[in-house]
C-alpha atoms as a PDB file:
ATOM      1  CA  MET A   1    -205.185 -40.173  21.576  1.00  0.00           C
ATOM      2  CA  LEU A   2    -208.229 -39.064  23.514  1.00  0.00           C
ATOM      3  CA  ARG A   3    -207.751 -35.544  22.242  1.00  0.00           C
ATOM      4  CA  SER A   4    -207.846 -36.885  18.683  1.00  0.00           C
ATOM      5  CA  PHE A   5    -211.219 -38.472  19.371  1.00  0.00           C
ATOM      6  CA  ALA A   6    -212.374 -35.214  20.932  1.00  0.00           C
ATOM      7  CA  LEU A   7    -211.379 -33.383  17.767  1.00  0.00           C
ATOM      8  CA  ALA A   8    -213.369 -35.878  15.692  1.00  0.00           C
ATOM      9  CA  LEU A   9    -216.317 -35.331  18.024  1.00  0.00           C
ATOM     10  CA  VAL A  10    -216.211 -31.632  17.147  1.00  0.00           C
ATOM     11  CA  PHE A  11    -217.341 -32.398  13.625  1.00  0.00           C
ATOM     12  CA  MET A  12    -220.155 -34.615  14.850  1.00  0.00           C
ATOM     13  CA  THR A  13    -221.470 -32.059  17.356  1.00  0.00           C
ATOM     14  CA  PHE A  14    -220.966 -29.055  15.081  1.00  0.00           C
ATOM     15  CA  ASP A  15    -224.165 -29.684  13.151  1.00  0.00           C
ATOM     16  CA  LEU A  16    -226.188 -29.919  16.368  1.00  0.00           C
ATOM     17  CA  ALA A  17    -224.701 -26.674  17.689  1.00  0.00           C
ATOM     18  CA  ARG A  18    -225.264 -24.962  14.344  1.00  0.00           C
ATOM     19  CA  MET A  19    -228.914 -25.988  14.209  1.00  0.00           C
ATOM     20  CA  ALA A  20    -229.487 -24.865  17.790  1.00  0.00           C
ATOM     21  CA  LEU A  21    -227.925 -21.464  17.120  1.00  0.00           C
ATOM     22  CA  ALA A  22    -229.753 -21.048  13.804  1.00  0.00           C
ATOM     23  CA  GLY A  23    -233.042 -21.525  15.620  1.00  0.00           C
ATOM     24  CA  VAL A  24    -232.268 -18.430  17.690  1.00  0.00           C
ATOM     25  CA  GLY A  25    -232.225 -16.306  14.534  1.00  0.00           C
ATOM     26  CA  LEU A  26    -228.568 -15.275  14.430  1.00  0.00           C
ATOM     27  CA  PRO A  27    -226.864 -14.387  11.127  1.00  0.00           C
ATOM     28  CA  ARG A  28    -225.651 -17.377   9.124  1.00  0.00           C
ATOM     29  CA  THR A  29    -221.918 -16.534   9.224  1.00  0.00           C
ATOM     30  CA  PHE A  30    -222.054 -15.908  12.954  1.00  0.00           C
ATOM     31  CA  VAL A  31    -223.863 -19.197  13.538  1.00  0.00           C
ATOM     32  CA  SER A  32    -221.185 -21.211  11.733  1.00  0.00           C
ATOM     33  CA  ALA A  33    -218.268 -19.588  13.532  1.00  0.00           C
ATOM     34  CA  LEU A  34    -219.898 -19.723  16.953  1.00  0.00           C
ATOM     35  CA  GLY A  35    -221.079 -23.304  16.437  1.00  0.00           C
ATOM     36  CA  LEU A  36    -217.571 -24.443  15.564  1.00  0.00           C
ATOM     37  CA  LEU A  37    -216.083 -22.583  18.517  1.00  0.00           C
ATOM     38  CA  LEU A  38    -218.624 -23.965  20.988  1.00  0.00           C
ATOM     39  CA  SER A  39    -218.374 -27.558  19.805  1.00  0.00           C
ATOM     40  CA  ALA A  40    -214.554 -27.468  19.776  1.00  0.00           C
ATOM     41  CA  THR A  41    -214.353 -25.891  23.220  1.00  0.00           C
ATOM     42  CA  ALA A  42    -216.798 -28.357  24.743  1.00  0.00           C
ATOM     43  CA  SER A  43    -215.125 -31.427  23.225  1.00  0.00           C
ATOM     44  CA  VAL A  44    -211.569 -30.456  24.153  1.00  0.00           C
ATOM     45  CA  THR A  45    -212.635 -29.401  27.659  1.00  0.00           C
ATOM     46  CA  VAL A  46    -214.360 -32.715  28.297  1.00  0.00           C
ATOM     47  CA  ALA A  47    -211.303 -34.600  26.986  1.00  0.00           C
ATOM     48  CA  GLY A  48    -208.980 -32.574  29.193  1.00  0.00           C
ATOM     49  CA  LEU A  49    -211.103 -33.180  32.267  1.00  0.00           C
ATOM     50  CA  TRP A  50    -211.299 -36.890  31.465  1.00  0.00           C
ATOM     51  CA  ILE A  51    -207.508 -37.109  31.113  1.00  0.00           C
ATOM     52  CA  ARG A  52    -206.961 -35.220  34.353  1.00  0.00           C
ATOM     53  CA  HIS A  53    -209.504 -37.342  36.218  1.00  0.00           C
ATOM     54  CA  THR A  54    -208.285 -40.750  35.041  1.00  0.00           C
ATOM     55  CA  ARG A  55    -204.540 -40.108  35.020  1.00  0.00           C
ATOM     56  CA  ARG A  56    -202.570 -42.129  37.513  1.00  0.00           C
ATOM     57  CA  ARG A  57    -200.623 -39.992  39.906  1.00  0.00           C
ATOM     58  CA  PRO A  58    -197.180 -41.149  40.950  1.00  0.00           C
ATOM     59  CA  ARG A  59    -196.828 -42.156  44.560  1.00  0.00           C
ATOM     60  CA  ALA A  60    -194.866 -39.827  46.770  1.00  0.00           C
ATOM     61  CA  GLN A  61    -191.468 -41.199  47.679  1.00  0.00           C
ATOM     62  CA  SER A  62    -190.354 -40.918  51.253  1.00  0.00           C
ATOM     63  CA  ALA A  63    -186.907 -39.555  51.979  1.00  0.00           C
ATOM     64  CA  PRO A  64    -184.304 -42.195  53.073  1.00  0.00           C
END
């Protein structure tokens, strides 16, 4: 479920990434593609790290 929220966050951060890249003076088509790639990668990476960090690890069982 967290990954679903991360995917929704992509569309909210895409506009910020696009504006930041457009300010650099890159071509318009390149800005859109790179902005989408950067926002998707950042959101999914943060979600993956959050899942890995907060996941409960099973306790090791001792041999009988």
